[in-house]
Amino acid sequence: MDFNSVMIGSDDAKGLADYYKKLFGAPTMSEEDFNGWQIGSGWIVVGPHDQVKGQNAHPGRLILNIETSDVRGEFERLRDAGAMVVREPYDPQEGSGMLIATLTDPDGNYFQLMSPM
C-alpha cells in the first residue's frame, strides 16, 4: 500500500482553493470543482462535499503534517503569503531541535510544518 492523498471537503471549495493557491501556488491538478497540490509524494485535494457545512468544530482531530528541513523559512513564506497562524515555530520537547508550526485554513482545518522525523 501507499498513502496517496487527503481530501479536504468544504461548502466553499472555491474559497478554500483560492487560499491554498496563495500558499502553494497553482494547483498541480484541477478538475471541475476539485483542486490538488502535490507536496512531496502526497497530495492535498480541496473539493465540495455535501456533508460539510461551515467551520471545522474539531480542528485538532486531524492535522496535516508537511515535513520541511526549514520550518522557520517555510513558516515565514507561508505567513507572508497570507497563511493564518495558530502557533509560530516551537520545539515540542525543549532542546530536541525539532520544530513545529501550526497554521489553519479558512474552514478551520489545521496543518503543520514540522522538522523531518
PDB file of N, CA and C in Angstrom:
ATOM      1  N   MET A   1       0.836  -1.181   0.000  1.00  0.00           N
ATOM      2  CA  MET A   1       0.000   0.000   0.000  1.00  0.00           C
ATOM      3  C   MET A   1       0.881   1.244   0.000  1.00  0.00           C
ATOM      4  N   ASP A   2       0.291   2.340  -0.446  1.00  0.00           N
ATOM      5  CA  ASP A   2       0.975   3.630  -0.458  1.00  0.00           C
ATOM      6  C   ASP A   2      -0.057   4.705  -0.183  1.00  0.00           C
ATOM      7  N   PHE A   3       0.233   5.584   0.779  1.00  0.00           N
ATOM      8  CA  PHE A   3      -0.675   6.679   1.074  1.00  0.00           C
ATOM      9  C   PHE A   3      -0.658   7.650  -0.091  1.00  0.00           C
ATOM     10  N   ASN A   4      -1.832   8.059  -0.548  1.00  0.00           N
ATOM     11  CA  ASN A   4      -1.948   8.863  -1.749  1.00  0.00           C
ATOM     12  C   ASN A   4      -2.256  10.323  -1.479  1.00  0.00           C
ATOM     13  N   SER A   5      -3.345  10.602  -0.725  1.00  0.00           N
ATOM     14  CA  SER A   5      -3.779  11.985  -0.603  1.00  0.00           C
ATOM     15  C   SER A   5      -4.715  12.175   0.582  1.00  0.00           C
ATOM     16  N   VAL A   6      -4.981  13.438   0.848  1.00  0.00           N
ATOM     17  CA  VAL A   6      -6.004  13.857   1.794  1.00  0.00           C
ATOM     18  C   VAL A   6      -6.921  14.791   1.030  1.00  0.00           C
ATOM     19  N   MET A   7      -8.247  14.540   1.116  1.00  0.00           N
ATOM     20  CA  MET A   7      -9.189  15.449   0.501  1.00  0.00           C
ATOM     21  C   MET A   7      -9.841  16.274   1.600  1.00  0.00           C
ATOM     22  N   ILE A   8      -9.841  17.581   1.429  1.00  0.00           N
ATOM     23  CA  ILE A   8     -10.497  18.484   2.359  1.00  0.00           C
ATOM     24  C   ILE A   8     -11.810  18.909   1.719  1.00  0.00           C
ATOM     25  N   GLY A   9     -12.909  18.437   2.284  1.00  0.00           N
ATOM     26  CA  GLY A   9     -14.224  18.803   1.778  1.00  0.00           C
ATOM     27  C   GLY A   9     -14.651  20.142   2.359  1.00  0.00           C
ATOM     28  N   SER A  10     -15.405  20.897   1.570  1.00  0.00           N
ATOM     29  CA  SER A  10     -15.825  22.219   2.012  1.00  0.00           C
ATOM     30  C   SER A  10     -17.126  22.618   1.330  1.00  0.00           C
ATOM     31  N   ASP A  11     -17.896  23.461   2.016  1.00  0.00           N
ATOM     32  CA  ASP A  11     -19.062  24.035   1.352  1.00  0.00           C
ATOM     33  C   ASP A  11     -18.671  25.310   0.608  1.00  0.00           C
ATOM     34  N   ASP A  12     -17.395  25.694   0.716  1.00  0.00           N
ATOM     35  CA  ASP A  12     -16.830  26.810  -0.048  1.00  0.00           C
ATOM     36  C   ASP A  12     -15.505  26.367  -0.661  1.00  0.00           C
ATOM     37  N   ALA A  13     -15.586  25.346  -1.517  1.00  0.00           N
ATOM     38  CA  ALA A  13     -14.372  24.767  -2.109  1.00  0.00           C
ATOM     39  C   ALA A  13     -13.583  25.793  -2.915  1.00  0.00           C
ATOM     40  N   LYS A  14     -14.260  26.706  -3.598  1.00  0.00           N
ATOM     41  CA  LYS A  14     -13.552  27.725  -4.377  1.00  0.00           C
ATOM     42  C   LYS A  14     -12.766  28.645  -3.459  1.00  0.00           C
ATOM     43  N   GLY A  15     -13.375  29.117  -2.382  1.00  0.00           N
ATOM     44  CA  GLY A  15     -12.675  29.992  -1.434  1.00  0.00           C
ATOM     45  C   GLY A  15     -11.494  29.295  -0.786  1.00  0.00           C
ATOM     46  N   LEU A  16     -11.677  28.012  -0.441  1.00  0.00           N
ATOM     47  CA  LEU A  16     -10.595  27.254   0.173  1.00  0.00           C
ATOM     48  C   LEU A  16      -9.468  27.026  -0.828  1.00  0.00           C
ATOM     49  N   ALA A  17      -9.813  26.725  -2.067  1.00  0.00           N
ATOM     50  CA  ALA A  17      -8.798  26.546  -3.107  1.00  0.00           C
ATOM     51  C   ALA A  17      -8.035  27.850  -3.335  1.00  0.00           C
ATOM     52  N   ASP A  18      -8.735  28.974  -3.333  1.00  0.00           N
ATOM     53  CA  ASP A  18      -8.064  30.267  -3.507  1.00  0.00           C
ATOM     54  C   ASP A  18      -7.054  30.515  -2.386  1.00  0.00           C
ATOM     55  N   TYR A  19      -7.400  30.134  -1.167  1.00  0.00           N
ATOM     56  CA  TYR A  19      -6.489  30.276  -0.023  1.00  0.00           C
ATOM     57  C   TYR A  19      -5.231  29.435  -0.244  1.00  0.00           C
ATOM     58  N   TYR A  20      -5.421  28.164  -0.589  1.00  0.00           N
ATOM     59  CA  TYR A  20      -4.262  27.293  -0.791  1.00  0.00           C
ATOM     60  C   TYR A  20      -3.436  27.706  -2.008  1.00  0.00           C
ATOM     61  N   LYS A  21      -4.062  28.311  -3.004  1.00  0.00           N
ATOM     62  CA  LYS A  21      -3.308  28.830  -4.150  1.00  0.00           C
ATOM     63  C   LYS A  21      -2.331  29.911  -3.708  1.00  0.00           C
ATOM     64  N   LYS A  22      -2.755  30.768  -2.771  1.00  0.00           N
ATOM     65  CA  LYS A  22      -1.856  31.816  -2.253  1.00  0.00           C
ATOM     66  C   LYS A  22      -0.650  31.193  -1.559  1.00  0.00           C
ATOM     67  N   LEU A  23      -0.858  30.057  -0.909  1.00  0.00           N
ATOM     68  CA  LEU A  23       0.224  29.430  -0.149  1.00  0.00           C
ATOM     69  C   LEU A  23       1.114  28.527  -0.993  1.00  0.00           C
ATOM     70  N   PHE A  24       0.489  27.699  -1.840  1.00  0.00           N
ATOM     71  CA  PHE A  24       1.233  26.664  -2.557  1.00  0.00           C
ATOM     72  C   PHE A  24       1.341  26.886  -4.061  1.00  0.00           C
ATOM     73  N   GLY A  25       0.769  27.988  -4.562  1.00  0.00           N
ATOM     74  CA  GLY A  25       0.841  28.265  -5.989  1.00  0.00           C
ATOM     75  C   GLY A  25      -0.284  27.591  -6.756  1.00  0.00           C
ATOM     76  N   ALA A  26      -0.149  27.589  -8.052  1.00  0.00           N
ATOM     77  CA  ALA A  26      -1.177  26.993  -8.917  1.00  0.00           C
ATOM     78  C   ALA A  26      -1.331  25.513  -8.588  1.00  0.00           C
ATOM     79  N   PRO A  27      -2.557  25.007  -8.615  1.00  0.00           N
ATOM     80  CA  PRO A  27      -2.764  23.587  -8.323  1.00  0.00           C
ATOM     81  C   PRO A  27      -2.044  22.707  -9.342  1.00  0.00           C
ATOM     82  N   THR A  28      -1.541  21.593  -8.870  1.00  0.00           N
ATOM     83  CA  THR A  28      -0.917  20.608  -9.737  1.00  0.00           C
ATOM     84  C   THR A  28      -1.985  19.905 -10.560  1.00  0.00           C
ATOM     85  N   MET A  29      -3.198  19.804  -9.976  1.00  0.00           N
ATOM     86  CA  MET A  29      -4.333  19.160 -10.624  1.00  0.00           C
ATOM     87  C   MET A  29      -5.554  20.043 -10.404  1.00  0.00           C
ATOM     88  N   SER A  30      -6.332  20.224 -11.456  1.00  0.00           N
ATOM     89  CA  SER A  30      -7.568  20.995 -11.346  1.00  0.00           C
ATOM     90  C   SER A  30      -8.601  20.386 -12.285  1.00  0.00           C
ATOM     91  N   GLU A  31      -9.698  19.879 -11.702  1.00  0.00           N
ATOM     92  CA  GLU A  31     -10.780  19.273 -12.493  1.00  0.00           C
ATOM     93  C   GLU A  31     -12.102  19.718 -11.900  1.00  0.00           C
ATOM     94  N   GLU A  32     -12.882  20.440 -12.686  1.00  0.00           N
ATOM     95  CA  GLU A  32     -14.168  20.974 -12.249  1.00  0.00           C
ATOM     96  C   GLU A  32     -13.999  21.733 -10.931  1.00  0.00           C
ATOM     97  N   ASP A  33     -14.627  21.275  -9.841  1.00  0.00           N
ATOM     98  CA  ASP A  33     -14.552  21.980  -8.559  1.00  0.00           C
ATOM     99  C   ASP A  33     -13.449  21.465  -7.653  1.00  0.00           C
ATOM    100  N   PHE A  34     -12.600  20.571  -8.149  1.00  0.00           N
ATOM    101  CA  PHE A  34     -11.546  19.969  -7.336  1.00  0.00           C
ATOM    102  C   PHE A  34     -10.182  20.515  -7.740  1.00  0.00           C
ATOM    103  N   ASN A  35      -9.377  20.839  -6.735  1.00  0.00           N
ATOM    104  CA  ASN A  35      -8.015  21.321  -6.965  1.00  0.00           C
ATOM    105  C   ASN A  35      -7.086  20.560  -6.041  1.00  0.00           C
ATOM    106  N   GLY A  36      -5.899  20.218  -6.552  1.00  0.00           N
ATOM    107  CA  GLY A  36      -4.953  19.455  -5.751  1.00  0.00           C
ATOM    108  C   GLY A  36      -3.535  19.947  -5.918  1.00  0.00           C
ATOM    109  N   TRP A  37      -2.778  19.840  -4.829  1.00  0.00           N
ATOM    110  CA  TRP A  37      -1.374  20.234  -4.811  1.00  0.00           C
ATOM    111  C   TRP A  37      -0.556  19.032  -4.381  1.00  0.00           C
ATOM    112  N   GLN A  38       0.429  18.688  -5.182  1.00  0.00           N
ATOM    113  CA  GLN A  38       1.326  17.612  -4.789  1.00  0.00           C
ATOM    114  C   GLN A  38       2.417  18.203  -3.921  1.00  0.00           C
ATOM    115  N   ILE A  39       2.558  17.657  -2.737  1.00  0.00           N
ATOM    116  CA  ILE A  39       3.587  18.091  -1.798  1.00  0.00           C
ATOM    117  C   ILE A  39       4.388  16.847  -1.462  1.00  0.00           C
ATOM    118  N   GLY A  40       5.614  16.790  -1.946  1.00  0.00           N
ATOM    119  CA  GLY A  40       6.388  15.560  -1.820  1.00  0.00           C
ATOM    120  C   GLY A  40       5.712  14.481  -2.655  1.00  0.00           C
ATOM    121  N   SER A  41       5.483  13.312  -2.065  1.00  0.00           N
ATOM    122  CA  SER A  41       4.825  12.235  -2.806  1.00  0.00           C
ATOM    123  C   SER A  41       3.321  12.183  -2.538  1.00  0.00           C
ATOM    124  N   GLY A  42       2.816  13.051  -1.662  1.00  0.00           N
ATOM    125  CA  GLY A  42       1.396  13.055  -1.341  1.00  0.00           C
ATOM    126  C   GLY A  42       0.673  14.256  -1.929  1.00  0.00           C
ATOM    127  N   TRP A  43      -0.644  14.229  -1.798  1.00  0.00           N
ATOM    128  CA  TRP A  43      -1.487  15.280  -2.358  1.00  0.00           C
ATOM    129  C   TRP A  43      -2.411  15.846  -1.294  1.00  0.00           C
ATOM    130  N   ILE A  44      -2.674  17.146  -1.393  1.00  0.00           N
ATOM    131  CA  ILE A  44      -3.758  17.795  -0.671  1.00  0.00           C
ATOM    132  C   ILE A  44      -4.754  18.206  -1.742  1.00  0.00           C
ATOM    133  N   VAL A  45      -5.983  17.717  -1.614  1.00  0.00           N
ATOM    134  CA  VAL A  45      -7.031  17.994  -2.596  1.00  0.00           C
ATOM    135  C   VAL A  45      -8.174  18.713  -1.885  1.00  0.00           C
ATOM    136  N   VAL A  46      -8.698  19.761  -2.503  1.00  0.00           N
ATOM    137  CA  VAL A  46      -9.816  20.530  -1.976  1.00  0.00           C
ATOM    138  C   VAL A  46     -10.982  20.392  -2.945  1.00  0.00           C
ATOM    139  N   GLY A  47     -12.153  20.100  -2.393  1.00  0.00           N
ATOM    140  CA  GLY A  47     -13.333  19.982  -3.243  1.00  0.00           C
ATOM    141  C   GLY A  47     -14.611  20.104  -2.445  1.00  0.00           C
ATOM    142  N   PRO A  48     -15.719  20.249  -3.139  1.00  0.00           N
ATOM    143  CA  PRO A  48     -17.007  20.367  -2.456  1.00  0.00           C
ATOM    144  C   PRO A  48     -17.421  19.029  -1.836  1.00  0.00           C
ATOM    145  N   HIS A  49     -18.164  19.108  -0.734  1.00  0.00           N
ATOM    146  CA  HIS A  49     -18.698  17.906  -0.104  1.00  0.00           C
ATOM    147  C   HIS A  49     -20.031  18.250   0.533  1.00  0.00           C
ATOM    148  N   ASP A  50     -21.063  17.508   0.179  1.00  0.00           N
ATOM    149  CA  ASP A  50     -22.408  17.844   0.639  1.00  0.00           C
ATOM    150  C   ASP A  50     -22.638  17.601   2.134  1.00  0.00           C
ATOM    151  N   GLN A  51     -21.733  16.914   2.806  1.00  0.00           N
ATOM    152  CA  GLN A  51     -21.882  16.662   4.237  1.00  0.00           C
ATOM    153  C   GLN A  51     -21.064  17.619   5.097  1.00  0.00           C
ATOM    154  N   VAL A  52     -20.445  18.617   4.476  1.00  0.00           N
ATOM    155  CA  VAL A  52     -19.602  19.563   5.198  1.00  0.00           C
ATOM    156  C   VAL A  52     -20.252  20.941   5.136  1.00  0.00           C
ATOM    157  N   LYS A  53     -20.432  21.534   6.303  1.00  0.00           N
ATOM    158  CA  LYS A  53     -21.009  22.879   6.395  1.00  0.00           C
ATOM    159  C   LYS A  53     -20.208  23.705   7.395  1.00  0.00           C
ATOM    160  N   GLY A  54     -19.825  24.904   7.007  1.00  0.00           N
ATOM    161  CA  GLY A  54     -19.181  25.848   7.921  1.00  0.00           C
ATOM    162  C   GLY A  54     -17.810  25.433   8.414  1.00  0.00           C
ATOM    163  N   GLN A  55     -17.467  25.963   9.583  1.00  0.00           N
ATOM    164  CA  GLN A  55     -16.144  25.755  10.181  1.00  0.00           C
ATOM    165  C   GLN A  55     -15.995  24.356  10.776  1.00  0.00           C
ATOM    166  N   ASN A  56     -14.763  23.866  10.793  1.00  0.00           N
ATOM    167  CA  ASN A  56     -14.421  22.611  11.439  1.00  0.00           C
ATOM    168  C   ASN A  56     -14.546  22.808  12.951  1.00  0.00           C
ATOM    169  N   ALA A  57     -15.434  22.073  13.586  1.00  0.00           N
ATOM    170  CA  ALA A  57     -15.654  22.212  15.031  1.00  0.00           C
ATOM    171  C   ALA A  57     -14.545  21.572  15.859  1.00  0.00           C
ATOM    172  N   HIS A  58     -13.748  20.708  15.242  1.00  0.00           N
ATOM    173  CA  HIS A  58     -12.686  19.997  15.963  1.00  0.00           C
ATOM    174  C   HIS A  58     -11.394  20.020  15.144  1.00  0.00           C
ATOM    175  N   PRO A  59     -10.758  21.188  15.004  1.00  0.00           N
ATOM    176  CA  PRO A  59      -9.604  21.294  14.102  1.00  0.00           C
ATOM    177  C   PRO A  59      -8.397  20.455  14.506  1.00  0.00           C
ATOM    178  N   GLY A  60      -8.309  20.059  15.767  1.00  0.00           N
ATOM    179  CA  GLY A  60      -7.174  19.246  16.198  1.00  0.00           C
ATOM    180  C   GLY A  60      -7.358  17.763  15.967  1.00  0.00           C
ATOM    181  N   ARG A  61      -8.534  17.354  15.509  1.00  0.00           N
ATOM    182  CA  ARG A  61      -8.802  15.930  15.325  1.00  0.00           C
ATOM    183  C   ARG A  61      -7.940  15.320  14.224  1.00  0.00           C
ATOM    184  N   LEU A  62      -7.788  16.028  13.135  1.00  0.00           N
ATOM    185  CA  LEU A  62      -6.981  15.564  12.013  1.00  0.00           C
ATOM    186  C   LEU A  62      -6.103  16.729  11.573  1.00  0.00           C
ATOM    187  N   ILE A  63      -4.801  16.564  11.695  1.00  0.00           N
ATOM    188  CA  ILE A  63      -3.870  17.633  11.341  1.00  0.00           C
ATOM    189  C   ILE A  63      -2.962  17.128  10.225  1.00  0.00           C
ATOM    190  N   LEU A  64      -2.874  17.904   9.155  1.00  0.00           N
ATOM    191  CA  LEU A  64      -1.979  17.563   8.047  1.00  0.00           C
ATOM    192  C   LEU A  64      -0.577  18.029   8.408  1.00  0.00           C
ATOM    193  N   ASN A  65       0.401  17.148   8.319  1.00  0.00           N
ATOM    194  CA  ASN A  65       1.788  17.495   8.621  1.00  0.00           C
ATOM    195  C   ASN A  65       2.594  17.551   7.337  1.00  0.00           C
ATOM    196  N   ILE A  66       3.269  18.669   7.153  1.00  0.00           N
ATOM    197  CA  ILE A  66       4.119  18.874   5.985  1.00  0.00           C
ATOM    198  C   ILE A  66       5.551  18.981   6.496  1.00  0.00           C
ATOM    199  N   GLU A  67       6.371  18.048   6.070  1.00  0.00           N
ATOM    200  CA  GLU A  67       7.748  17.976   6.551  1.00  0.00           C
ATOM    201  C   GLU A  67       8.653  18.904   5.741  1.00  0.00           C
ATOM    202  N   THR A  68       9.508  19.637   6.450  1.00  0.00           N
ATOM    203  CA  THR A  68      10.474  20.508   5.799  1.00  0.00           C
ATOM    204  C   THR A  68      11.702  20.657   6.695  1.00  0.00           C
ATOM    205  N   SER A  69      12.870  20.747   6.090  1.00  0.00           N
ATOM    206  CA  SER A  69      14.086  20.957   6.869  1.00  0.00           C
ATOM    207  C   SER A  69      14.237  22.424   7.261  1.00  0.00           C
ATOM    208  N   ASP A  70      13.390  23.302   6.715  1.00  0.00           N
ATOM    209  CA  ASP A  70      13.441  24.730   7.022  1.00  0.00           C
ATOM    210  C   ASP A  70      12.078  25.215   7.537  1.00  0.00           C
ATOM    211  N   VAL A  71      11.705  24.771   8.728  1.00  0.00           N
ATOM    212  CA  VAL A  71      10.403  25.127   9.285  1.00  0.00           C
ATOM    213  C   VAL A  71      10.264  26.641   9.401  1.00  0.00           C
ATOM    214  N   ARG A  72      11.265  27.304   9.939  1.00  0.00           N
ATOM    215  CA  ARG A  72      11.166  28.761  10.124  1.00  0.00           C
ATOM    216  C   ARG A  72      11.025  29.491   8.778  1.00  0.00           C
ATOM    217  N   GLY A  73      11.834  29.113   7.804  1.00  0.00           N
ATOM    218  CA  GLY A  73      11.792  29.766   6.498  1.00  0.00           C
ATOM    219  C   GLY A  73      10.471  29.535   5.786  1.00  0.00           C
ATOM    220  N   GLU A  74       9.977  28.297   5.784  1.00  0.00           N
ATOM    221  CA  GLU A  74       8.699  27.994   5.143  1.00  0.00           C
ATOM    222  C   GLU A  74       7.549  28.641   5.899  1.00  0.00           C
ATOM    223  N   PHE A  75       7.646  28.680   7.230  1.00  0.00           N
ATOM    224  CA  PHE A  75       6.617  29.353   8.023  1.00  0.00           C
ATOM    225  C   PHE A  75       6.523  30.823   7.621  1.00  0.00           C
ATOM    226  N   GLU A  76       7.664  31.505   7.539  1.00  0.00           N
ATOM    227  CA  GLU A  76       7.670  32.918   7.160  1.00  0.00           C
ATOM    228  C   GLU A  76       7.109  33.116   5.753  1.00  0.00           C
ATOM    229  N   ARG A  77       7.479  32.224   4.833  1.00  0.00           N
ATOM    230  CA  ARG A  77       6.984  32.318   3.460  1.00  0.00           C
ATOM    231  C   ARG A  77       5.464  32.162   3.419  1.00  0.00           C
ATOM    232  N   LEU A  78       4.954  31.153   4.113  1.00  0.00           N
ATOM    233  CA  LEU A  78       3.505  30.922   4.123  1.00  0.00           C
ATOM    234  C   LEU A  78       2.767  32.041   4.853  1.00  0.00           C
ATOM    235  N   ARG A  79       3.297  32.489   5.984  1.00  0.00           N
ATOM    236  CA  ARG A  79       2.677  33.599   6.723  1.00  0.00           C
ATOM    237  C   ARG A  79       2.622  34.845   5.847  1.00  0.00           C
ATOM    238  N   ASP A  80       3.714  35.139   5.158  1.00  0.00           N
ATOM    239  CA  ASP A  80       3.761  36.321   4.295  1.00  0.00           C
ATOM    240  C   ASP A  80       2.806  36.197   3.102  1.00  0.00           C
ATOM    241  N   ALA A  81       2.485  34.947   2.712  1.00  0.00           N
ATOM    242  CA  ALA A  81       1.547  34.711   1.607  1.00  0.00           C
ATOM    243  C   ALA A  81       0.092  34.759   2.084  1.00  0.00           C
ATOM    244  N   GLY A  82      -0.098  34.896   3.399  1.00  0.00           N
ATOM    245  CA  GLY A  82      -1.456  35.022   3.923  1.00  0.00           C
ATOM    246  C   GLY A  82      -1.943  33.866   4.772  1.00  0.00           C
ATOM    247  N   ALA A  83      -1.052  32.940   5.128  1.00  0.00           N
ATOM    248  CA  ALA A  83      -1.463  31.827   5.980  1.00  0.00           C
ATOM    249  C   ALA A  83      -1.922  32.342   7.335  1.00  0.00           C
ATOM    250  N   MET A  84      -2.941  31.726   7.878  1.00  0.00           N
ATOM    251  CA  MET A  84      -3.451  32.080   9.197  1.00  0.00           C
ATOM    252  C   MET A  84      -2.698  31.257  10.238  1.00  0.00           C
ATOM    253  N   VAL A  85      -2.056  31.946  11.164  1.00  0.00           N
ATOM    254  CA  VAL A  85      -1.175  31.309  12.143  1.00  0.00           C
ATOM    255  C   VAL A  85      -1.939  30.923  13.407  1.00  0.00           C
ATOM    256  N   VAL A  86      -1.759  29.671  13.816  1.00  0.00           N
ATOM    257  CA  VAL A  86      -2.274  29.204  15.097  1.00  0.00           C
ATOM    258  C   VAL A  86      -1.141  29.277  16.121  1.00  0.00           C
ATOM    259  N   ARG A  87       0.042  28.787  15.727  1.00  0.00           N
ATOM    260  CA  ARG A  87       1.201  28.827  16.614  1.00  0.00           C
ATOM    261  C   ARG A  87       2.473  28.919  15.784  1.00  0.00           C
ATOM    262  N   GLU A  88       3.312  29.890  16.132  1.00  0.00           N
ATOM    263  CA  GLU A  88       4.599  30.070  15.452  1.00  0.00           C
ATOM    264  C   GLU A  88       5.514  28.891  15.773  1.00  0.00           C
ATOM    265  N   PRO A  89       6.630  28.742  15.021  1.00  0.00           N
ATOM    266  CA  PRO A  89       7.515  27.598  15.245  1.00  0.00           C
ATOM    267  C   PRO A  89       7.951  27.474  16.706  1.00  0.00           C
ATOM    268  N   TYR A  90       7.882  26.242  17.201  1.00  0.00           N
ATOM    269  CA  TYR A  90       8.286  25.946  18.578  1.00  0.00           C
ATOM    270  C   TYR A  90       8.891  24.546  18.625  1.00  0.00           C
ATOM    271  N   ASP A  91       9.659  24.296  19.666  1.00  0.00           N
ATOM    272  CA  ASP A  91      10.259  22.990  19.904  1.00  0.00           C
ATOM    273  C   ASP A  91       9.333  22.251  20.869  1.00  0.00           C
ATOM    274  N   PRO A  92       8.687  21.155  20.428  1.00  0.00           N
ATOM    275  CA  PRO A  92       7.724  20.465  21.287  1.00  0.00           C
ATOM    276  C   PRO A  92       8.348  19.790  22.504  1.00  0.00           C
ATOM    277  N   GLN A  93       9.641  19.504  22.433  1.00  0.00           N
ATOM    278  CA  GLN A  93      10.375  18.939  23.558  1.00  0.00           C
ATOM    279  C   GLN A  93      11.647  19.755  23.680  1.00  0.00           C
ATOM    280  N   GLU A  94      11.608  20.732  24.550  1.00  0.00           N
ATOM    281  CA  GLU A  94      12.702  21.701  24.650  1.00  0.00           C
ATOM    282  C   GLU A  94      14.068  21.041  24.509  1.00  0.00           C
ATOM    283  N   GLY A  95      14.843  21.581  23.574  1.00  0.00           N
ATOM    284  CA  GLY A  95      16.190  21.090  23.330  1.00  0.00           C
ATOM    285  C   GLY A  95      16.281  19.958  22.324  1.00  0.00           C
ATOM    286  N   SER A  96      15.153  19.507  21.767  1.00  0.00           N
ATOM    287  CA  SER A  96      15.187  18.377  20.835  1.00  0.00           C
ATOM    288  C   SER A  96      15.695  18.788  19.452  1.00  0.00           C
ATOM    289  N   GLY A  97      15.580  20.085  19.138  1.00  0.00           N
ATOM    290  CA  GLY A  97      15.972  20.556  17.817  1.00  0.00           C
ATOM    291  C   GLY A  97      14.869  20.423  16.784  1.00  0.00           C
ATOM    292  N   MET A  98      13.776  19.759  17.155  1.00  0.00           N
ATOM    293  CA  MET A  98      12.637  19.632  16.244  1.00  0.00           C
ATOM    294  C   MET A  98      11.792  20.895  16.331  1.00  0.00           C
ATOM    295  N   LEU A  99      11.218  21.301  15.206  1.00  0.00           N
ATOM    296  CA  LEU A  99      10.325  22.459  15.200  1.00  0.00           C
ATOM    297  C   LEU A  99       8.981  22.076  14.593  1.00  0.00           C
ATOM    298  N   ILE A 100       7.929  22.695  15.132  1.00  0.00           N
ATOM    299  CA  ILE A 100       6.581  22.544  14.600  1.00  0.00           C
ATOM    300  C   ILE A 100       5.950  23.930  14.555  1.00  0.00           C
ATOM    301  N   ALA A 101       5.252  24.246  13.471  1.00  0.00           N
ATOM    302  CA  ALA A 101       4.462  25.475  13.357  1.00  0.00           C
ATOM    303  C   ALA A 101       3.066  25.055  12.926  1.00  0.00           C
ATOM    304  N   THR A 102       2.043  25.606  13.569  1.00  0.00           N
ATOM    305  CA  THR A 102       0.667  25.226  13.261  1.00  0.00           C
ATOM    306  C   THR A 102      -0.060  26.381  12.591  1.00  0.00           C
ATOM    307  N   LEU A 103      -0.716  26.067  11.476  1.00  0.00           N
ATOM    308  CA  LEU A 103      -1.476  27.044  10.701  1.00  0.00           C
ATOM    309  C   LEU A 103      -2.886  26.502  10.506  1.00  0.00           C
ATOM    310  N   THR A 104      -3.771  27.336   9.988  1.00  0.00           N
ATOM    311  CA  THR A 104      -5.135  26.899   9.733  1.00  0.00           C
ATOM    312  C   THR A 104      -5.625  27.484   8.421  1.00  0.00           C
ATOM    313  N   ASP A 105      -6.634  26.838   7.855  1.00  0.00           N
ATOM    314  CA  ASP A 105      -7.239  27.388   6.650  1.00  0.00           C
ATOM    315  C   ASP A 105      -8.561  28.070   7.018  1.00  0.00           C
ATOM    316  N   PRO A 106      -9.235  28.712   6.071  1.00  0.00           N
ATOM    317  CA  PRO A 106     -10.465  29.440   6.380  1.00  0.00           C
ATOM    318  C   PRO A 106     -11.598  28.569   6.938  1.00  0.00           C
ATOM    319  N   ASP A 107     -11.551  27.256   6.682  1.00  0.00           N
ATOM    320  CA  ASP A 107     -12.567  26.355   7.220  1.00  0.00           C
ATOM    321  C   ASP A 107     -12.201  25.849   8.613  1.00  0.00           C
ATOM    322  N   GLY A 108     -11.036  26.245   9.122  1.00  0.00           N
ATOM    323  CA  GLY A 108     -10.624  25.828  10.457  1.00  0.00           C
ATOM    324  C   GLY A 108      -9.883  24.508  10.503  1.00  0.00           C
ATOM    325  N   ASN A 109      -9.342  24.053   9.377  1.00  0.00           N
ATOM    326  CA  ASN A 109      -8.563  22.819   9.334  1.00  0.00           C
ATOM    327  C   ASN A 109      -7.101  23.143   9.616  1.00  0.00           C
ATOM    328  N   TYR A 110      -6.511  22.438  10.566  1.00  0.00           N
ATOM    329  CA  TYR A 110      -5.112  22.675  10.918  1.00  0.00           C
ATOM    330  C   TYR A 110      -4.171  21.939   9.971  1.00  0.00           C
ATOM    331  N   PHE A 111      -3.038  22.583   9.702  1.00  0.00           N
ATOM    332  CA  PHE A 111      -1.923  21.906   9.054  1.00  0.00           C
ATOM    333  C   PHE A 111      -0.652  22.434   9.701  1.00  0.00           C
ATOM    334  N   GLN A 112       0.355  21.586   9.742  1.00  0.00           N
ATOM    335  CA  GLN A 112       1.588  21.940  10.438  1.00  0.00           C
ATOM    336  C   GLN A 112       2.795  21.762   9.528  1.00  0.00           C
ATOM    337  N   LEU A 113       3.760  22.628   9.758  1.00  0.00           N
ATOM    338  CA  LEU A 113       5.089  22.443   9.202  1.00  0.00           C
ATOM    339  C   LEU A 113       5.894  21.783  10.312  1.00  0.00           C
ATOM    340  N   MET A 114       6.661  20.779   9.966  1.00  0.00           N
ATOM    341  CA  MET A 114       7.453  20.123  11.005  1.00  0.00           C
ATOM    342  C   MET A 114       8.786  19.645  10.467  1.00  0.00           C
ATOM    343  N   SER A 115       9.770  19.613  11.370  1.00  0.00           N
ATOM    344  CA  SER A 115      11.088  19.103  11.033  1.00  0.00           C
ATOM    345  C   SER A 115      10.974  17.639  10.640  1.00  0.00           C
ATOM    346  N   PRO A 116      11.908  17.165   9.792  1.00  0.00           N
ATOM    347  CA  PRO A 116      11.894  15.744   9.434  1.00  0.00           C
ATOM    348  C   PRO A 116      11.997  14.869  10.687  1.00  0.00           C
ATOM    349  N   MET A 117      11.262  13.773  10.657  1.00  0.00           N
ATOM    350  CA  MET A 117      11.266  12.835  11.795  1.00  0.00           C
ATOM    351  C   MET A 117      12.560  12.047  11.792  1.00  0.00           C
TER     352      MET A 117
END
